[in-house]
Structure formats: structure tokens, C-alpha cells
Amino acid sequence: MDQNRNNIIESLTELEKMEKDKCSLPLIFAEVFKDEMNANEEHKLYNGFVRLIHKYSEDKKSLDVINEYTRVISGGTSLEEILQVTKDEAAEPTVISDIVVDNSCSRQEEWDKQK
């Protein structure tokens, strides 16, 4: 784990030096990061956050870091806000999210019960 940490710090230091000559570096970073986020399967992203929250639920500092990271990548929205909106949208979808809210898993459970 220390090697990973060292590699991250080293890469960041190199990027900070490059930024002086490459003014589009923040844009490049953001685009690469967004591409990786878009390539991530939704279930993996959701399950990853669930796993992190459960793993660090007793550690306030770790949860604060997760929340701060979420604010950074979302442009200021907290993890609590994202979770609340997700709950609200899943329970009562708006016109926009109604398209993506899939209740088939609950229907599948009903079908299984009927069998």
C-alpha cells in the first residue's frame, strides 16, 4: 500500500510541475476522470460506495474524507444529499428519472412468490 501511496504522490508532484506549461491540465484530468466514471458499471459504482460507507461507518474521519471526495467530484454536492435524492427519486420518480427507474426487480420477486 505504501508503494501505491508513493506512486500517487509522485504522479501528483509531476502533474503540478507540468501544469505550469500545460494550462489545460485540469481539463485533461477531468475528462480522463469522467471517462473512467462513465466506463464504470452502475452496480459497481453503487456497490463500491455502499461497501466504503459500511466499512468506515465507525470512523468519522474516514467518512468525512469520503464525503469531501464526493463534494469534489460532484461540484459541491455532499454524499448525504446524493443518497437522499437517490432515495427520493427511487420512491417517487420525477418525469426525467422515471425513464431510468427500474422496478422490475420487485416485480421479479412478486413473480417468484407466485410460482
Protein backbone atom coordinates (compact mmCIF):
# COMPACT_ATOMS: atom_id res chain seq x y z
CA MET A 1 0.00 0.00 0.00
CA ASP A 2 2.88 2.37 0.68
CA GLN A 3 4.10 1.92 -2.90
CA ASN A 4 0.67 2.90 -4.25
CA ARG A 5 0.66 5.95 -1.99
CA ASN A 6 4.16 6.89 -3.13
CA ASN A 7 3.20 6.49 -6.79
CA ILE A 8 0.16 8.72 -6.31
CA ILE A 9 2.19 11.44 -4.59
CA GLU A 10 4.93 11.21 -7.22
CA SER A 11 2.43 11.45 -10.09
CA LEU A 12 0.69 14.40 -8.48
CA THR A 13 4.00 16.21 -8.00
CA GLU A 14 4.86 15.66 -11.67
CA LEU A 15 1.43 16.92 -12.75
CA GLU A 16 1.76 20.04 -10.60
CA LYS A 17 5.08 20.79 -12.35
CA MET A 18 3.53 20.14 -15.78
CA GLU A 19 0.61 22.45 -15.04
CA LYS A 20 2.91 25.47 -15.40
CA ASP A 21 3.34 24.66 -19.11
CA LYS A 22 0.10 22.79 -19.76
CA CYS A 23 -2.72 25.12 -18.79
CA SER A 24 -5.30 22.59 -19.96
CA LEU A 25 -4.12 20.01 -17.44
CA PRO A 26 -7.23 20.38 -15.21
CA LEU A 27 -9.43 19.80 -18.27
CA ILE A 28 -7.40 16.74 -19.26
CA PHE A 29 -7.64 15.33 -15.73
CA ALA A 30 -11.39 15.99 -15.58
CA GLU A 31 -12.03 14.37 -18.96
CA VAL A 32 -9.97 11.28 -18.11
CA PHE A 33 -11.72 11.00 -14.74
CA LYS A 34 -15.20 11.42 -16.30
CA ASP A 35 -14.35 8.82 -18.95
CA GLU A 36 -13.41 6.37 -16.22
CA MET A 37 -16.58 7.18 -14.27
CA ASN A 38 -18.69 6.66 -17.40
CA ALA A 39 -16.93 3.37 -18.10
CA ASN A 40 -17.72 2.10 -14.62
CA GLU A 41 -20.79 -0.07 -14.43
CA GLU A 42 -23.53 1.49 -12.28
CA HIS A 43 -23.82 -1.52 -9.99
CA LYS A 44 -20.09 -1.48 -9.29
CA LEU A 45 -20.15 2.24 -8.52
CA TYR A 46 -23.15 1.97 -6.21
CA ASN A 47 -21.92 -1.20 -4.51
CA GLY A 48 -18.47 0.35 -4.09
CA PHE A 49 -19.93 3.33 -2.25
CA VAL A 50 -22.12 1.07 -0.13
CA ARG A 51 -19.10 -1.06 0.76
CA LEU A 52 -16.99 2.01 1.65
CA ILE A 53 -19.70 3.52 3.82
CA HIS A 54 -20.24 0.27 5.71
CA LYS A 55 -16.50 -0.37 6.05
CA TYR A 56 -15.81 3.09 7.52
CA SER A 57 -19.13 3.77 9.24
CA GLU A 58 -17.50 3.79 12.67
CA ASP A 59 -14.62 6.04 11.60
CA LYS A 60 -15.76 9.68 11.45
CA LYS A 61 -12.54 10.87 9.82
CA SER A 62 -12.80 8.32 7.01
CA LEU A 63 -16.45 9.16 6.37
CA ASP A 64 -15.53 12.85 6.30
CA VAL A 65 -12.89 12.07 3.66
CA ILE A 66 -15.39 10.08 1.58
CA ASN A 67 -17.88 12.94 1.84
CA GLU A 68 -15.24 15.55 0.96
CA TYR A 69 -14.15 13.48 -2.04
CA THR A 70 -17.78 13.21 -3.14
CA ARG A 71 -18.13 17.00 -2.89
CA VAL A 72 -15.01 17.43 -5.03
CA ILE A 73 -16.09 15.11 -7.83
CA SER A 74 -19.71 16.29 -7.80
CA GLY A 75 -19.04 20.01 -7.75
CA GLY A 76 -20.11 20.53 -4.14
CA THR A 77 -22.93 18.07 -3.51
CA SER A 78 -22.47 16.02 -0.36
CA LEU A 79 -22.79 12.26 -0.20
CA GLU A 80 -25.74 12.70 2.16
CA GLU A 81 -27.51 14.86 -0.43
CA ILE A 82 -26.82 12.35 -3.21
CA LEU A 83 -28.14 9.49 -1.08
CA GLN A 84 -31.26 11.50 -0.13
CA VAL A 85 -32.04 12.46 -3.74
CA THR A 86 -31.45 8.84 -4.80
CA LYS A 87 -33.96 7.66 -2.16
CA ASP A 88 -36.48 10.32 -3.19
CA GLU A 89 -36.13 9.55 -6.91
CA ALA A 90 -36.38 5.80 -6.35
CA ALA A 91 -39.51 6.20 -4.20
CA GLU A 92 -41.23 8.84 -6.34
CA PRO A 93 -39.50 9.29 -9.71
CA THR A 94 -39.70 12.62 -11.46
CA VAL A 95 -40.53 12.73 -15.15
CA ILE A 96 -36.83 12.70 -16.02
CA SER A 97 -35.81 9.83 -13.76
CA ASP A 98 -38.95 7.80 -14.40
CA ILE A 99 -37.26 6.64 -17.57
CA VAL A 100 -34.33 5.12 -15.70
CA VAL A 101 -36.03 3.85 -12.54
CA ASP A 102 -36.44 0.12 -13.00
CA ASN A 103 -38.87 -1.65 -10.69
CA SER A 104 -38.52 -4.99 -12.43
CA CYS A 105 -36.51 -6.42 -9.54
CA SER A 106 -39.52 -6.00 -7.25
CA ARG A 107 -41.79 -7.45 -9.95
CA GLN A 108 -39.42 -10.39 -10.28
CA GLU A 109 -39.77 -11.05 -6.53
CA GLU A 110 -43.57 -10.99 -6.91
CA TRP A 111 -43.39 -13.41 -9.85
CA ASP A 112 -41.12 -15.70 -7.84
CA LYS A 113 -43.63 -15.69 -4.97
CA GLN A 114 -46.45 -16.61 -7.35
CA LYS A 115 -44.58 -19.66 -8.66
